Amino acid sequence: MKKVAAIIRPFKLEDVKLALVNAGIVGMTVTEVRGFGRQKGQVERYRGSEFTVEFLQKLKVEVVVADEKVELVLQAIGEAAKTGEIGDGKIFISPVESVVRIRTGEVNDQAL
């Protein structure tokens, strides 16, 4: 099993959700996060004053899938989240040792 964590632009969430559902992926966790990368923030104006917002608002979408579905998830998220501009985000893949469904006690693939 693998955990796929994608940092995306907030307005792309619905597109990513639809792409994952259409790919047969059920269940995801979404967290509001802040960060910066090559984009290095942006300049904003407020009441005539300029200031730099260094940490931009992003969303972190996490799904845990069987190994054979990782490529499908990568493709779905990559296509749905892409704008072609700096700041589109990143996708991270990590191994998952074990999963337990709390309600039933099912483990690993049965728990997904």
N, C-alpha and C. Protein backbone atom coordinates (compact mmCIF):
# COMPACT_ATOMS: atom_id res chain seq x y z
N MET A 1 0.84 -1.18 0.00
CA MET A 1 0.00 0.00 0.00
C MET A 1 0.88 1.23 0.00
N LYS A 2 0.31 2.30 -0.57
CA LYS A 2 1.03 3.57 -0.63
C LYS A 2 0.10 4.70 -0.22
N LYS A 3 0.70 5.72 0.39
CA LYS A 3 -0.03 6.96 0.66
C LYS A 3 0.42 7.98 -0.37
N VAL A 4 -0.55 8.54 -1.08
CA VAL A 4 -0.27 9.58 -2.05
C VAL A 4 -0.75 10.88 -1.43
N ALA A 5 0.16 11.82 -1.25
CA ALA A 5 -0.16 13.12 -0.67
C ALA A 5 0.15 14.17 -1.73
N ALA A 6 -0.85 14.96 -2.08
CA ALA A 6 -0.68 15.99 -3.10
C ALA A 6 -0.94 17.36 -2.49
N ILE A 7 -0.04 18.28 -2.75
CA ILE A 7 -0.22 19.68 -2.36
C ILE A 7 -0.73 20.39 -3.60
N ILE A 8 -1.94 20.94 -3.52
CA ILE A 8 -2.58 21.53 -4.70
C ILE A 8 -3.11 22.93 -4.40
N ARG A 9 -3.47 23.64 -5.47
CA ARG A 9 -4.13 24.94 -5.32
C ARG A 9 -5.56 24.70 -4.81
N PRO A 10 -6.04 25.56 -3.90
CA PRO A 10 -7.38 25.35 -3.33
C PRO A 10 -8.50 25.27 -4.36
N PHE A 11 -8.44 26.07 -5.42
CA PHE A 11 -9.54 26.06 -6.39
C PHE A 11 -9.56 24.82 -7.27
N LYS A 12 -8.53 23.97 -7.17
CA LYS A 12 -8.47 22.74 -7.94
C LYS A 12 -9.02 21.54 -7.19
N LEU A 13 -9.48 21.73 -5.95
CA LEU A 13 -9.94 20.61 -5.14
C LEU A 13 -11.09 19.84 -5.79
N GLU A 14 -12.09 20.53 -6.28
CA GLU A 14 -13.25 19.85 -6.87
C GLU A 14 -12.83 19.04 -8.10
N ASP A 15 -11.93 19.59 -8.92
CA ASP A 15 -11.44 18.86 -10.09
C ASP A 15 -10.70 17.60 -9.68
N VAL A 16 -9.86 17.71 -8.65
CA VAL A 16 -9.10 16.55 -8.17
C VAL A 16 -10.06 15.50 -7.59
N LYS A 17 -11.02 15.94 -6.81
CA LYS A 17 -11.99 15.01 -6.22
C LYS A 17 -12.74 14.24 -7.31
N LEU A 18 -13.22 14.95 -8.31
CA LEU A 18 -13.94 14.30 -9.42
C LEU A 18 -13.04 13.32 -10.17
N ALA A 19 -11.80 13.70 -10.40
CA ALA A 19 -10.87 12.82 -11.10
C ALA A 19 -10.62 11.55 -10.31
N LEU A 20 -10.47 11.66 -8.99
CA LEU A 20 -10.25 10.48 -8.16
C LEU A 20 -11.49 9.58 -8.13
N VAL A 21 -12.66 10.19 -7.97
CA VAL A 21 -13.90 9.41 -7.96
C VAL A 21 -14.08 8.69 -9.30
N ASN A 22 -13.83 9.39 -10.41
CA ASN A 22 -13.94 8.78 -11.73
C ASN A 22 -12.92 7.66 -11.94
N ALA A 23 -11.81 7.72 -11.20
CA ALA A 23 -10.79 6.68 -11.28
C ALA A 23 -11.10 5.52 -10.32
N GLY A 24 -12.21 5.60 -9.60
CA GLY A 24 -12.60 4.53 -8.70
C GLY A 24 -12.01 4.61 -7.32
N ILE A 25 -11.45 5.76 -6.97
CA ILE A 25 -10.85 5.94 -5.65
C ILE A 25 -11.90 6.54 -4.72
N VAL A 26 -12.17 5.84 -3.62
CA VAL A 26 -13.12 6.35 -2.65
C VAL A 26 -12.38 6.65 -1.36
N GLY A 27 -12.66 7.80 -0.81
CA GLY A 27 -12.03 8.19 0.45
C GLY A 27 -10.79 9.04 0.21
N MET A 28 -10.78 10.18 0.85
CA MET A 28 -9.62 11.06 0.80
C MET A 28 -9.66 11.96 2.01
N THR A 29 -8.52 12.48 2.37
CA THR A 29 -8.42 13.43 3.47
C THR A 29 -7.89 14.73 2.90
N VAL A 30 -8.51 15.84 3.27
CA VAL A 30 -8.09 17.15 2.78
C VAL A 30 -7.75 18.02 3.98
N THR A 31 -6.58 18.64 3.93
CA THR A 31 -6.12 19.51 5.01
C THR A 31 -5.71 20.84 4.43
N GLU A 32 -6.07 21.94 5.09
CA GLU A 32 -5.59 23.25 4.67
C GLU A 32 -4.17 23.41 5.18
N VAL A 33 -3.27 23.78 4.28
CA VAL A 33 -1.86 23.95 4.63
C VAL A 33 -1.36 25.27 4.05
N ARG A 34 -0.19 25.69 4.50
CA ARG A 34 0.46 26.89 3.96
C ARG A 34 1.90 26.52 3.68
N GLY A 35 2.45 27.12 2.63
CA GLY A 35 3.83 26.84 2.31
C GLY A 35 4.31 27.68 1.15
N PHE A 36 5.58 27.46 0.79
CA PHE A 36 6.12 28.11 -0.39
C PHE A 36 7.19 27.22 -0.99
N GLY A 37 7.43 27.44 -2.24
CA GLY A 37 8.47 26.71 -2.97
C GLY A 37 9.13 27.69 -3.91
N ARG A 38 9.24 27.34 -5.16
CA ARG A 38 9.85 28.24 -6.14
C ARG A 38 9.07 29.52 -6.33
N GLN A 39 7.78 29.46 -6.05
CA GLN A 39 6.91 30.63 -6.19
C GLN A 39 7.32 31.73 -5.21
N LYS A 40 7.84 31.35 -4.07
CA LYS A 40 8.35 32.26 -3.04
C LYS A 40 7.36 33.34 -2.63
N GLY A 41 6.11 32.98 -2.51
CA GLY A 41 5.11 33.93 -2.05
C GLY A 41 4.63 34.84 -3.16
N GLN A 42 3.84 35.84 -2.77
CA GLN A 42 3.34 36.80 -3.74
C GLN A 42 3.13 38.13 -3.05
N VAL A 43 3.13 39.20 -3.86
CA VAL A 43 2.94 40.55 -3.33
C VAL A 43 1.45 40.86 -3.35
N GLU A 44 0.94 41.34 -2.24
CA GLU A 44 -0.47 41.71 -2.10
C GLU A 44 -0.56 43.19 -1.77
N ARG A 45 -1.69 43.80 -2.06
CA ARG A 45 -1.94 45.19 -1.68
C ARG A 45 -3.14 45.22 -0.73
N TYR A 46 -3.01 46.02 0.32
CA TYR A 46 -4.10 46.19 1.27
C TYR A 46 -4.10 47.64 1.72
N ARG A 47 -5.18 48.34 1.42
CA ARG A 47 -5.33 49.75 1.79
C ARG A 47 -4.12 50.58 1.36
N GLY A 48 -3.68 50.36 0.15
CA GLY A 48 -2.60 51.16 -0.41
C GLY A 48 -1.20 50.71 -0.04
N SER A 49 -1.08 49.75 0.85
CA SER A 49 0.25 49.26 1.25
C SER A 49 0.53 47.92 0.59
N GLU A 50 1.77 47.73 0.18
CA GLU A 50 2.19 46.45 -0.38
C GLU A 50 2.84 45.61 0.71
N PHE A 51 2.55 44.33 0.70
CA PHE A 51 3.23 43.41 1.60
C PHE A 51 3.36 42.07 0.90
N THR A 52 4.33 41.30 1.32
CA THR A 52 4.59 40.00 0.71
C THR A 52 3.99 38.90 1.57
N VAL A 53 3.20 38.05 0.93
CA VAL A 53 2.67 36.87 1.59
C VAL A 53 3.63 35.74 1.26
N GLU A 54 4.41 35.32 2.24
CA GLU A 54 5.43 34.31 1.99
C GLU A 54 4.86 32.90 1.96
N PHE A 55 3.91 32.62 2.84
CA PHE A 55 3.32 31.29 2.90
C PHE A 55 1.96 31.32 2.21
N LEU A 56 1.86 30.64 1.08
CA LEU A 56 0.63 30.64 0.31
C LEU A 56 -0.30 29.54 0.78
N GLN A 57 -1.59 29.79 0.69
CA GLN A 57 -2.57 28.78 1.07
C GLN A 57 -2.62 27.69 0.01
N LYS A 58 -2.55 26.47 0.46
CA LYS A 58 -2.66 25.29 -0.41
C LYS A 58 -3.54 24.28 0.31
N LEU A 59 -3.86 23.21 -0.38
CA LEU A 59 -4.57 22.09 0.22
C LEU A 59 -3.72 20.84 0.07
N LYS A 60 -3.77 20.00 1.08
CA LYS A 60 -3.08 18.71 1.03
C LYS A 60 -4.15 17.63 0.93
N VAL A 61 -4.11 16.89 -0.16
CA VAL A 61 -5.05 15.80 -0.40
C VAL A 61 -4.29 14.50 -0.21
N GLU A 62 -4.81 13.63 0.66
CA GLU A 62 -4.14 12.35 0.94
C GLU A 62 -5.09 11.20 0.64
N VAL A 63 -4.56 10.20 -0.05
CA VAL A 63 -5.30 8.95 -0.27
C VAL A 63 -4.34 7.79 -0.06
N VAL A 64 -4.86 6.70 0.46
CA VAL A 64 -4.08 5.48 0.62
C VAL A 64 -4.68 4.45 -0.32
N VAL A 65 -3.83 3.88 -1.17
CA VAL A 65 -4.31 2.95 -2.19
C VAL A 65 -3.38 1.73 -2.27
N ALA A 66 -3.90 0.68 -2.90
CA ALA A 66 -3.08 -0.50 -3.18
C ALA A 66 -1.99 -0.11 -4.17
N ASP A 67 -0.87 -0.82 -4.13
CA ASP A 67 0.28 -0.50 -4.98
C ASP A 67 -0.09 -0.39 -6.46
N GLU A 68 -0.99 -1.26 -6.93
CA GLU A 68 -1.32 -1.27 -8.36
C GLU A 68 -2.16 -0.07 -8.79
N LYS A 69 -2.68 0.71 -7.85
CA LYS A 69 -3.48 1.88 -8.20
C LYS A 69 -2.71 3.19 -8.13
N VAL A 70 -1.45 3.14 -7.74
CA VAL A 70 -0.67 4.36 -7.55
C VAL A 70 -0.56 5.16 -8.85
N GLU A 71 -0.23 4.52 -9.95
CA GLU A 71 -0.08 5.23 -11.22
C GLU A 71 -1.39 5.88 -11.65
N LEU A 72 -2.50 5.20 -11.43
CA LEU A 72 -3.82 5.73 -11.76
C LEU A 72 -4.09 7.01 -10.95
N VAL A 73 -3.77 6.96 -9.68
CA VAL A 73 -3.96 8.12 -8.81
C VAL A 73 -3.04 9.27 -9.22
N LEU A 74 -1.80 8.98 -9.51
CA LEU A 74 -0.86 10.01 -9.95
C LEU A 74 -1.36 10.71 -11.21
N GLN A 75 -1.81 9.95 -12.15
CA GLN A 75 -2.31 10.51 -13.40
C GLN A 75 -3.56 11.36 -13.16
N ALA A 76 -4.48 10.85 -12.36
CA ALA A 76 -5.72 11.58 -12.09
C ALA A 76 -5.44 12.91 -11.40
N ILE A 77 -4.62 12.89 -10.35
CA ILE A 77 -4.31 14.13 -9.63
C ILE A 77 -3.50 15.07 -10.51
N GLY A 78 -2.51 14.53 -11.18
CA GLY A 78 -1.64 15.37 -12.01
C GLY A 78 -2.41 16.12 -13.08
N GLU A 79 -3.30 15.44 -13.77
CA GLU A 79 -4.08 16.08 -14.83
C GLU A 79 -5.09 17.07 -14.26
N ALA A 80 -5.74 16.72 -13.15
CA ALA A 80 -6.78 17.58 -12.58
C ALA A 80 -6.22 18.82 -11.91
N ALA A 81 -5.03 18.74 -11.33
CA ALA A 81 -4.48 19.86 -10.56
C ALA A 81 -3.61 20.80 -11.38
N LYS A 82 -3.27 20.41 -12.59
CA LYS A 82 -2.32 21.18 -13.40
C LYS A 82 -2.94 22.42 -14.01
N THR A 83 -2.25 23.55 -13.84
CA THR A 83 -2.61 24.78 -14.55
C THR A 83 -1.50 25.17 -15.52
N GLY A 84 -0.30 24.61 -15.31
CA GLY A 84 0.84 24.96 -16.13
C GLY A 84 1.65 26.12 -15.60
N GLU A 85 1.26 26.64 -14.45
CA GLU A 85 1.95 27.78 -13.84
C GLU A 85 2.76 27.33 -12.63
N ILE A 86 3.74 28.15 -12.25
CA ILE A 86 4.50 27.88 -11.03
C ILE A 86 3.52 27.91 -9.86
N GLY A 87 3.67 26.94 -8.96
CA GLY A 87 2.79 26.88 -7.78
C GLY A 87 1.70 25.84 -7.89
N ASP A 88 1.73 25.00 -8.94
CA ASP A 88 0.72 23.96 -9.08
C ASP A 88 0.80 22.93 -7.98
N GLY A 89 1.96 22.75 -7.36
CA GLY A 89 2.09 21.83 -6.24
C GLY A 89 2.98 20.64 -6.52
N LYS A 90 2.89 19.67 -5.64
CA LYS A 90 3.72 18.46 -5.73
C LYS A 90 2.91 17.26 -5.28
N ILE A 91 3.37 16.08 -5.70
CA ILE A 91 2.75 14.83 -5.25
C ILE A 91 3.85 13.99 -4.60
N PHE A 92 3.57 13.50 -3.40
CA PHE A 92 4.52 12.67 -2.66
C PHE A 92 3.93 11.27 -2.49
N ILE A 93 4.77 10.26 -2.61
CA ILE A 93 4.33 8.87 -2.43
C ILE A 93 5.15 8.26 -1.31
N SER A 94 4.45 7.65 -0.35
CA SER A 94 5.10 7.02 0.80
C SER A 94 4.55 5.62 1.00
N PRO A 95 5.39 4.70 1.47
CA PRO A 95 4.86 3.37 1.79
C PRO A 95 3.99 3.42 3.05
N VAL A 96 2.98 2.56 3.08
CA VAL A 96 2.12 2.43 4.26
C VAL A 96 2.28 1.00 4.75
N GLU A 97 2.70 0.87 5.98
CA GLU A 97 2.97 -0.45 6.55
C GLU A 97 1.69 -1.23 6.83
N SER A 98 0.70 -0.55 7.40
CA SER A 98 -0.52 -1.24 7.78
C SER A 98 -1.66 -0.25 7.93
N VAL A 99 -2.88 -0.73 7.74
CA VAL A 99 -4.09 0.07 7.92
C VAL A 99 -5.08 -0.75 8.72
N VAL A 100 -5.77 -0.12 9.66
CA VAL A 100 -6.81 -0.79 10.44
C VAL A 100 -8.07 0.06 10.38
N ARG A 101 -9.18 -0.54 9.97
CA ARG A 101 -10.48 0.15 10.03
C ARG A 101 -10.97 0.04 11.46
N ILE A 102 -11.16 1.15 12.11
CA ILE A 102 -11.51 1.17 13.52
C ILE A 102 -12.85 0.48 13.77
N ARG A 103 -13.86 0.77 12.97
CA ARG A 103 -15.21 0.24 13.20
C ARG A 103 -15.26 -1.28 13.19
N THR A 104 -14.58 -1.93 12.21
CA THR A 104 -14.70 -3.37 12.04
C THR A 104 -13.47 -4.17 12.44
N GLY A 105 -12.34 -3.49 12.56
CA GLY A 105 -11.10 -4.19 12.86
C GLY A 105 -10.43 -4.78 11.62
N GLU A 106 -11.00 -4.55 10.44
CA GLU A 106 -10.39 -5.05 9.21
C GLU A 106 -9.01 -4.41 9.05
N VAL A 107 -8.11 -5.17 8.44
CA VAL A 107 -6.74 -4.67 8.27
C VAL A 107 -6.34 -4.68 6.80
N ASN A 108 -5.36 -3.82 6.50
CA ASN A 108 -4.71 -3.71 5.21
C ASN A 108 -5.69 -3.54 4.05
N ASP A 109 -5.60 -4.37 3.00
CA ASP A 109 -6.43 -4.16 1.80
C ASP A 109 -7.91 -4.18 2.11
N GLN A 110 -8.35 -5.00 3.05
CA GLN A 110 -9.77 -5.05 3.40
C GLN A 110 -10.22 -3.74 4.07
N ALA A 111 -9.29 -3.06 4.71
CA ALA A 111 -9.62 -1.81 5.40
C ALA A 111 -9.72 -0.62 4.44
N LEU A 112 -9.17 -0.78 3.25
CA LEU A 112 -9.24 0.32 2.28
C LEU A 112 -10.61 0.37 1.68
